[in-house]
Amino acid sequence: MPHIVVKWYKGRTEEEKKEFAQKILEEATRITGRGAEHFSVAIEDYEPSEWMETVYKPEIMDKEETLYIKPGYGPLSEKE
């Protein structure tokens, strides 16, 4: 079933990560009507210096057709 992966800059506490994951889970179950047992949520931390090459290009630019919300920064924000 759904496995949700959040990728963001390093620097958040474990408590912040747990709270964020819990809120995602709550909304996912509310929207889909499925129980929490159907979901998993992972959080991956990245250094800001590695973001564009490690995440933006392979996960955002190269998979643009799967994006439902495009980022407001970087090359995709300049497209019309």
C-alpha atoms as a PDB file:
ATOM      1  CA  MET A   1       0.000   0.000   0.000  1.00  0.00           C
ATOM      2  CA  PRO A   2       1.168   3.608   0.079  1.00  0.00           C
ATOM      3  CA  HIS A   3       4.707   4.292   1.202  1.00  0.00           C
ATOM      4  CA  ILE A   4       5.215   8.037   1.591  1.00  0.00           C
ATOM      5  CA  VAL A   5       8.758   9.409   1.479  1.00  0.00           C
ATOM      6  CA  VAL A   6       9.619  12.926   2.614  1.00  0.00           C
ATOM      7  CA  LYS A   7      13.005  14.308   1.587  1.00  0.00           C
ATOM      8  CA  TRP A   8      14.213  17.514   3.184  1.00  0.00           C
ATOM      9  CA  TYR A   9      17.210  19.374   4.557  1.00  0.00           C
ATOM     10  CA  LYS A  10      18.913  18.046   7.660  1.00  0.00           C
ATOM     11  CA  GLY A  11      18.358  19.874  10.903  1.00  0.00           C
ATOM     12  CA  ARG A  12      14.994  18.827  12.295  1.00  0.00           C
ATOM     13  CA  THR A  13      14.707  16.971  15.580  1.00  0.00           C
ATOM     14  CA  GLU A  14      13.410  13.429  15.928  1.00  0.00           C
ATOM     15  CA  GLU A  15      10.323  14.853  17.633  1.00  0.00           C
ATOM     16  CA  GLU A  16       9.644  17.180  14.691  1.00  0.00           C
ATOM     17  CA  LYS A  17      10.058  14.291  12.260  1.00  0.00           C
ATOM     18  CA  LYS A  18       7.700  12.060  14.238  1.00  0.00           C
ATOM     19  CA  GLU A  19       5.089  14.807  14.469  1.00  0.00           C
ATOM     20  CA  PHE A  20       5.341  15.550  10.732  1.00  0.00           C
ATOM     21  CA  ALA A  21       5.047  11.851   9.851  1.00  0.00           C
ATOM     22  CA  GLN A  22       2.033  11.494  12.152  1.00  0.00           C
ATOM     23  CA  LYS A  23       0.271  14.477  10.536  1.00  0.00           C
ATOM     24  CA  ILE A  24       0.913  13.037   7.079  1.00  0.00           C
ATOM     25  CA  LEU A  25      -0.508   9.713   8.216  1.00  0.00           C
ATOM     26  CA  GLU A  26      -3.603  11.369   9.695  1.00  0.00           C
ATOM     27  CA  GLU A  27      -4.331  13.259   6.477  1.00  0.00           C
ATOM     28  CA  ALA A  28      -3.618  10.248   4.269  1.00  0.00           C
ATOM     29  CA  THR A  29      -6.049   8.086   6.228  1.00  0.00           C
ATOM     30  CA  ARG A  30      -8.673  10.848   6.270  1.00  0.00           C
ATOM     31  CA  ILE A  31      -8.459  11.475   2.534  1.00  0.00           C
ATOM     32  CA  THR A  32      -8.334   7.830   1.445  1.00  0.00           C
ATOM     33  CA  GLY A  33     -10.595   6.298   4.048  1.00  0.00           C
ATOM     34  CA  ARG A  34      -7.984   3.576   4.618  1.00  0.00           C
ATOM     35  CA  GLY A  35      -6.640   2.540   8.001  1.00  0.00           C
ATOM     36  CA  ALA A  36      -3.230   3.572   9.276  1.00  0.00           C
ATOM     37  CA  GLU A  37      -2.018  -0.013   8.910  1.00  0.00           C
ATOM     38  CA  HIS A  38      -2.012   0.475   5.142  1.00  0.00           C
ATOM     39  CA  PHE A  39       0.614   3.251   5.221  1.00  0.00           C
ATOM     40  CA  SER A  40       4.275   3.726   5.960  1.00  0.00           C
ATOM     41  CA  VAL A  41       6.076   7.071   6.150  1.00  0.00           C
ATOM     42  CA  ALA A  42       9.833   7.605   5.805  1.00  0.00           C
ATOM     43  CA  ILE A  43      11.854  10.778   6.201  1.00  0.00           C
ATOM     44  CA  GLU A  44      15.216  11.212   4.504  1.00  0.00           C
ATOM     45  CA  ASP A  45      17.574  14.034   5.492  1.00  0.00           C
ATOM     46  CA  TYR A  46      19.894  15.740   3.008  1.00  0.00           C
ATOM     47  CA  GLU A  47      22.578  18.379   3.239  1.00  0.00           C
ATOM     48  CA  PRO A  48      21.545  21.552   1.389  1.00  0.00           C
ATOM     49  CA  SER A  49      24.700  21.288  -0.723  1.00  0.00           C
ATOM     50  CA  GLU A  50      23.637  17.882  -2.090  1.00  0.00           C
ATOM     51  CA  TRP A  51      19.945  18.678  -2.675  1.00  0.00           C
ATOM     52  CA  MET A  52      19.996  19.708  -6.335  1.00  0.00           C
ATOM     53  CA  GLU A  53      22.092  16.776  -7.555  1.00  0.00           C
ATOM     54  CA  THR A  54      20.819  14.070  -5.201  1.00  0.00           C
ATOM     55  CA  VAL A  55      17.120  14.935  -4.981  1.00  0.00           C
ATOM     56  CA  TYR A  56      16.025  17.717  -7.337  1.00  0.00           C
ATOM     57  CA  LYS A  57      17.393  16.329 -10.582  1.00  0.00           C
ATOM     58  CA  PRO A  58      16.615  12.596 -10.213  1.00  0.00           C
ATOM     59  CA  GLU A  59      13.470  12.824  -8.084  1.00  0.00           C
ATOM     60  CA  ILE A  60      11.845  16.044  -9.290  1.00  0.00           C
ATOM     61  CA  MET A  61      13.147  17.087 -12.720  1.00  0.00           C
ATOM     62  CA  ASP A  62      13.541  13.581 -14.141  1.00  0.00           C
ATOM     63  CA  LYS A  63      10.073  12.567 -12.877  1.00  0.00           C
ATOM     64  CA  GLU A  64       8.225  15.750 -13.775  1.00  0.00           C
ATOM     65  CA  GLU A  65       5.354  13.751 -15.261  1.00  0.00           C
ATOM     66  CA  THR A  66       4.534  12.373 -11.816  1.00  0.00           C
ATOM     67  CA  LEU A  67       4.519  15.747 -10.015  1.00  0.00           C
ATOM     68  CA  TYR A  68       1.160  17.021  -8.844  1.00  0.00           C
ATOM     69  CA  ILE A  69       2.719  20.136  -7.347  1.00  0.00           C
ATOM     70  CA  LYS A  70       5.876  21.570  -8.883  1.00  0.00           C
ATOM     71  CA  PRO A  71       8.469  23.307  -6.723  1.00  0.00           C
ATOM     72  CA  GLY A  72       8.584  27.078  -6.615  1.00  0.00           C
ATOM     73  CA  TYR A  73      12.378  27.050  -6.961  1.00  0.00           C
ATOM     74  CA  GLY A  74      14.912  25.738  -9.440  1.00  0.00           C
ATOM     75  CA  PRO A  75      14.507  25.051 -13.154  1.00  0.00           C
ATOM     76  CA  LEU A  76      10.911  23.798 -12.979  1.00  0.00           C
ATOM     77  CA  SER A  77       9.703  27.028 -11.399  1.00  0.00           C
ATOM     78  CA  GLU A  78      10.796  28.902 -14.512  1.00  0.00           C
ATOM     79  CA  LYS A  79       8.677  26.804 -16.893  1.00  0.00           C
ATOM     80  CA  GLU A  80       5.341  28.093 -18.047  1.00  0.00           C
END
